[in-house]
Amino acid sequence: MNLTSEPVRPIPAGFAPPAGEERILISLATYNEAGNLTALIEEVHRVVPHADVLVIDDNSPDGTGKIADELAAKDPRVHVLHRPGKLGLGTATLAAMNYAMEHGYDYLQNMDADFSHPPRYLPGILAGMSKYDVMIGSRYTKGGATENWPLPRRVISQGVNLLVRFLFRMPVKDASGAYRCYRVSKLREAHLERTRSRGYSFQQEVLFRCHKARCKLGEYPILFENRRAGASKVNRAEAVRSISMILYLGLRNFFGLERQK
């Protein structure tokens, strides 16, 4: 494994909502995750049993949507949104944010559906919401790490995060990861309707929108693991488009062209 020198911080043995009765929605955007979905939701509910789970499926040809419907039929904590095709991670996350706002949740916890975001970190991330408005499951804060990443991937990822910190002036080390919890009341203030990104750059842009809305940003160290089943969705063309969008938005912010209100 490619690990940083610092060990991952211990995870709390148990977890209760930060102030007692907060409603938590955990969003999973899926496309061909039939081999992961059932086990992932079971593991999520093992560590955060009071959370609801929202599966947003982009008409997966492997039957992921059908599996999600079957799980929802058995468990009232599971909800499903079906979309007509592969519309992108950014739009799926926006759909989850809108769902959380419309249904009165207090926290929206987003995570990948392939086990690269291990559920065992959820208690630590959620506990941080007692002090922060956005908590990031961070690969690059002290104690965070990645598993078996080749050197070029690590260099590109960390280079993009350095660029984001410089252009967007955000005090975080991992602005590109999707393993995050948002305070839903602050999402209402973040002007999500202005979001331009639909691909990988969505993570940086939505964090920037939250930062502009004066959200307190926190980070919790995680080990980013390799997916357990299925194939990676990484697309080189989309990566190029996303870097271009980061440069566009970052330069607008750097020169004071992005509005606060």
Protein backbone atom coordinates (compact mmCIF):
# COMPACT_ATOMS: atom_id res chain seq x y z
CA MET A 1 0.00 0.00 0.00
CA ASN A 2 1.00 3.59 -0.56
CA LEU A 3 0.55 5.03 2.90
CA THR A 4 1.58 8.25 4.56
CA SER A 5 3.90 7.97 7.54
CA GLU A 6 1.17 8.84 10.05
CA PRO A 7 -1.17 6.09 11.30
CA VAL A 8 -4.89 6.45 10.74
CA ARG A 9 -6.57 7.93 13.81
CA PRO A 10 -8.62 5.45 15.86
CA ILE A 11 -12.36 5.44 15.14
CA PRO A 12 -14.83 5.93 18.01
CA ALA A 13 -16.17 2.60 19.25
CA GLY A 14 -19.79 3.83 19.17
CA PHE A 15 -21.64 6.72 17.65
CA ALA A 16 -24.69 8.74 18.55
CA PRO A 17 -25.94 11.75 16.57
CA PRO A 18 -23.95 14.86 17.60
CA ALA A 19 -26.94 16.51 19.29
CA GLY A 20 -29.27 13.60 19.88
CA GLU A 21 -31.87 13.29 17.13
CA GLU A 22 -30.33 14.63 13.92
CA ARG A 23 -31.66 12.99 10.76
CA ILE A 24 -28.86 11.63 8.58
CA LEU A 25 -29.13 10.75 4.90
CA ILE A 26 -26.32 8.76 3.28
CA SER A 27 -26.23 9.08 -0.51
CA LEU A 28 -24.81 6.45 -2.85
CA ALA A 29 -24.58 7.24 -6.57
CA THR A 30 -24.52 3.94 -8.46
CA TYR A 31 -23.73 2.70 -11.93
CA ASN A 32 -23.01 -1.03 -12.23
CA GLU A 33 -22.45 -1.63 -8.53
CA ALA A 34 -24.49 -4.84 -8.21
CA GLY A 35 -21.52 -6.61 -6.64
CA ASN A 36 -21.15 -4.01 -3.88
CA LEU A 37 -24.50 -2.47 -3.01
CA THR A 38 -26.08 -4.99 -0.62
CA ALA A 39 -22.93 -5.51 1.45
CA LEU A 40 -22.22 -1.77 1.54
CA ILE A 41 -25.66 -0.83 2.86
CA GLU A 42 -25.46 -3.59 5.44
CA GLU A 43 -22.09 -2.26 6.62
CA VAL A 44 -23.37 1.35 6.67
CA HIS A 45 -26.28 0.34 8.89
CA ARG A 46 -24.00 -1.68 11.13
CA VAL A 47 -22.02 1.44 12.05
CA VAL A 48 -24.78 4.09 11.73
CA PRO A 49 -28.05 2.18 12.25
CA HIS A 50 -30.26 5.28 12.52
CA ALA A 51 -29.25 6.69 9.10
CA ASP A 52 -31.35 6.57 5.96
CA VAL A 53 -29.68 5.56 2.69
CA LEU A 54 -30.52 7.08 -0.69
CA VAL A 55 -29.42 5.10 -3.76
CA ILE A 56 -29.32 7.17 -6.95
CA ASP A 57 -29.02 4.74 -9.83
CA ASP A 58 -28.29 5.76 -13.42
CA ASN A 59 -30.15 2.87 -15.07
CA SER A 60 -27.31 0.41 -14.41
CA PRO A 61 -27.38 -2.42 -16.99
CA ASP A 62 -26.12 -4.89 -14.36
CA GLY A 63 -29.34 -4.65 -12.32
CA THR A 64 -28.09 -2.40 -9.51
CA GLY A 65 -31.38 -0.47 -9.56
CA LYS A 66 -33.42 -3.66 -9.13
CA ILE A 67 -31.28 -4.68 -6.17
CA ALA A 68 -31.80 -1.24 -4.64
CA ASP A 69 -35.58 -1.57 -5.05
CA GLU A 70 -35.52 -4.98 -3.37
CA LEU A 71 -33.55 -3.58 -0.43
CA ALA A 72 -35.94 -0.62 -0.14
CA ALA A 73 -38.94 -2.95 -0.10
CA LYS A 74 -37.48 -4.74 2.94
CA ASP A 75 -36.06 -1.76 4.84
CA PRO A 76 -37.80 1.63 5.28
CA ARG A 77 -34.39 3.23 5.83
CA VAL A 78 -33.47 2.63 2.15
CA HIS A 79 -34.76 4.94 -0.60
CA VAL A 80 -34.11 4.84 -4.36
CA LEU A 81 -34.04 7.42 -7.13
CA HIS A 82 -33.93 6.02 -10.67
CA ARG A 83 -32.50 8.15 -13.47
CA PRO A 84 -32.84 7.38 -17.19
CA GLY A 85 -29.13 7.02 -17.94
CA LYS A 86 -25.58 7.81 -16.92
CA LEU A 87 -25.91 11.50 -16.09
CA GLY A 88 -22.74 11.98 -14.05
CA LEU A 89 -21.62 11.98 -10.44
CA GLY A 90 -22.11 15.73 -10.05
CA THR A 91 -25.79 15.70 -11.01
CA ALA A 92 -26.33 12.64 -8.79
CA THR A 93 -24.84 14.44 -5.81
CA LEU A 94 -26.96 17.52 -6.55
CA ALA A 95 -30.02 15.27 -6.65
CA ALA A 96 -29.07 13.91 -3.23
CA MET A 97 -28.61 17.43 -1.87
CA ASN A 98 -32.01 18.48 -3.15
CA TYR A 99 -33.59 15.32 -1.71
CA ALA A 100 -32.01 16.03 1.68
CA MET A 101 -33.29 19.61 1.67
CA GLU A 102 -36.78 18.66 0.49
CA HIS A 103 -37.16 15.88 3.09
CA GLY A 104 -35.89 17.78 6.10
CA TYR A 105 -32.63 15.97 6.86
CA ASP A 106 -30.03 17.57 9.09
CA TYR A 107 -26.93 15.98 7.55
CA LEU A 108 -26.16 14.61 4.11
CA GLN A 109 -23.30 12.13 4.07
CA ASN A 110 -22.02 11.32 0.59
CA MET A 111 -19.84 8.29 -0.19
CA ASP A 112 -18.81 6.16 -3.15
CA ALA A 113 -20.69 2.91 -3.68
CA ASP A 114 -17.66 0.69 -4.32
CA PHE A 115 -16.16 0.41 -0.79
CA SER A 116 -13.33 2.83 -1.63
CA HIS A 117 -14.88 4.90 1.18
CA PRO A 118 -14.93 2.41 4.06
CA PRO A 119 -18.04 2.79 6.25
CA ARG A 120 -15.94 2.34 9.41
CA TYR A 121 -14.97 6.02 9.14
CA LEU A 122 -18.56 7.27 9.25
CA PRO A 123 -18.72 7.67 13.06
CA GLY A 124 -15.61 9.86 13.08
CA ILE A 125 -16.77 12.00 10.18
CA LEU A 126 -20.27 12.44 11.60
CA ALA A 127 -18.97 13.25 15.07
CA GLY A 128 -17.07 16.17 13.54
CA MET A 129 -20.38 17.77 12.55
CA SER A 130 -20.70 19.00 16.12
CA LYS A 131 -18.06 21.62 15.20
CA TYR A 132 -18.10 21.89 11.40
CA ASP A 133 -20.57 22.44 8.56
CA VAL A 134 -18.73 20.20 6.11
CA MET A 135 -16.62 17.23 7.19
CA ILE A 136 -14.27 15.70 4.61
CA GLY A 137 -13.05 12.14 4.74
CA SER A 138 -9.52 13.19 3.89
CA ARG A 139 -6.71 11.24 2.27
CA TYR A 140 -4.19 14.04 2.77
CA THR A 141 -4.70 15.34 6.27
CA LYS A 142 -2.44 13.94 9.01
CA GLY A 143 -3.20 10.24 9.34
CA GLY A 144 -4.86 9.86 5.94
CA ALA A 145 -3.60 7.65 3.13
CA THR A 146 -4.35 5.88 -0.16
CA GLU A 147 -4.11 2.19 -0.93
CA ASN A 148 -2.01 0.91 -3.85
CA TRP A 149 -2.11 4.07 -5.93
CA PRO A 150 0.56 4.33 -8.66
CA LEU A 151 2.88 7.31 -8.40
CA PRO A 152 1.35 9.23 -11.39
CA ARG A 153 -2.12 9.06 -9.84
CA ARG A 154 -0.85 10.32 -6.48
CA VAL A 155 1.08 13.15 -8.14
CA ILE A 156 -1.92 14.27 -10.21
CA SER A 157 -4.32 14.08 -7.25
CA GLN A 158 -2.09 16.01 -4.88
CA GLY A 159 -1.18 18.49 -7.62
CA VAL A 160 -4.85 19.25 -8.26
CA ASN A 161 -5.39 19.79 -4.53
CA LEU A 162 -2.45 22.19 -4.36
CA LEU A 163 -3.89 24.11 -7.30
CA VAL A 164 -7.32 24.26 -5.63
CA ARG A 165 -5.88 25.54 -2.35
CA PHE A 166 -4.01 28.27 -4.21
CA LEU A 167 -6.82 29.44 -6.50
CA PHE A 168 -9.83 28.95 -4.20
CA ARG A 169 -8.12 29.88 -0.93
CA MET A 170 -9.79 27.01 0.94
CA PRO A 171 -8.13 25.74 4.15
CA VAL A 172 -8.37 22.02 3.32
CA LYS A 173 -5.87 19.44 2.13
CA ASP A 174 -8.31 17.17 0.30
CA ALA A 175 -10.77 19.14 -1.83
CA SER A 176 -11.37 16.43 -4.43
CA GLY A 177 -12.66 13.49 -2.41
CA ALA A 178 -16.38 12.65 -2.38
CA TYR A 179 -16.46 11.17 1.13
CA ARG A 180 -18.12 14.13 2.86
CA CYS A 181 -20.85 15.15 5.25
CA TYR A 182 -22.76 18.40 4.72
CA ARG A 183 -24.96 20.35 7.11
CA VAL A 184 -28.16 20.57 5.08
CA SER A 185 -29.15 23.99 6.43
CA LYS A 186 -25.89 25.40 5.05
CA LEU A 187 -26.47 23.78 1.66
CA ARG A 188 -29.53 26.02 1.40
CA GLU A 189 -27.17 29.03 1.57
CA ALA A 190 -24.54 27.73 -0.86
CA HIS A 191 -26.19 28.80 -4.14
CA LEU A 192 -26.03 25.32 -5.61
CA GLU A 193 -28.03 26.57 -8.61
CA ARG A 194 -24.82 28.27 -9.78
CA THR A 195 -22.90 25.00 -9.94
CA ARG A 196 -21.43 24.49 -13.40
CA SER A 197 -19.56 21.21 -12.91
CA ARG A 198 -21.11 17.86 -13.70
CA GLY A 199 -18.08 15.57 -13.58
CA TYR A 200 -15.06 15.17 -11.30
CA SER A 201 -14.66 18.91 -10.73
CA PHE A 202 -18.01 18.95 -8.96
CA GLN A 203 -16.34 18.02 -5.67
CA GLN A 204 -14.04 21.03 -5.76
CA GLU A 205 -16.76 23.40 -6.94
CA VAL A 206 -19.41 22.42 -4.39
CA LEU A 207 -16.85 22.70 -1.60
CA PHE A 208 -15.99 26.16 -2.91
CA ARG A 209 -19.69 27.10 -2.91
CA CYS A 210 -19.92 25.96 0.70
CA HIS A 211 -16.78 27.89 1.60
CA LYS A 212 -18.24 31.05 0.03
CA ALA A 213 -21.33 30.49 2.18
CA ARG A 214 -19.04 30.66 5.25
CA CYS A 215 -19.21 26.97 6.07
CA LYS A 216 -16.69 25.71 8.59
CA LEU A 217 -14.66 23.02 6.83
CA GLY A 218 -13.17 20.09 8.76
CA GLU A 219 -11.20 16.98 7.78
CA TYR A 220 -11.04 13.47 9.21
CA PRO A 221 -8.29 11.06 8.10
CA ILE A 222 -9.28 8.02 6.04
CA LEU A 223 -7.57 5.28 4.11
CA PHE A 224 -8.92 5.42 0.57
CA GLU A 225 -9.19 1.76 -0.43
CA ASN A 226 -9.45 0.04 -3.80
CA ARG A 227 -12.94 -0.97 -4.91
CA ARG A 228 -14.00 -4.50 -3.92
CA ALA A 229 -15.97 -5.40 -7.07
CA GLY A 230 -16.67 -4.00 -10.53
CA ALA A 231 -14.67 -1.67 -12.74
CA SER A 232 -13.45 1.88 -12.14
CA LYS A 233 -15.47 4.68 -13.76
CA VAL A 234 -12.44 6.98 -14.20
CA ASN A 235 -12.54 8.63 -17.62
CA ARG A 236 -9.54 10.51 -19.02
CA ALA A 237 -11.58 12.89 -21.17
CA GLU A 238 -13.75 13.84 -18.20
CA ALA A 239 -10.63 14.36 -16.10
CA VAL A 240 -9.34 16.89 -18.65
CA ARG A 241 -12.71 18.69 -18.72
CA SER A 242 -12.75 18.81 -14.94
CA ILE A 243 -9.27 20.30 -14.65
CA SER A 244 -10.31 22.93 -17.21
CA MET A 245 -13.37 23.76 -15.11
CA ILE A 246 -11.25 24.02 -11.95
CA LEU A 247 -8.93 26.46 -13.71
CA TYR A 248 -11.87 28.50 -14.99
CA LEU A 249 -13.61 28.77 -11.62
CA GLY A 250 -10.36 29.14 -9.70
CA LEU A 251 -9.12 32.04 -11.83
CA ARG A 252 -12.52 33.74 -11.55
CA ASN A 253 -12.26 33.44 -7.78
CA PHE A 254 -8.61 34.53 -7.73
CA PHE A 255 -9.49 37.72 -9.58
CA GLY A 256 -12.63 38.38 -7.54
CA LEU A 257 -15.18 37.57 -10.24
CA GLU A 258 -17.16 34.94 -8.30
CA ARG A 259 -20.04 36.51 -6.38
CA GLN A 260 -20.49 35.97 -2.65
CA LYS A 261 -24.25 36.51 -2.73
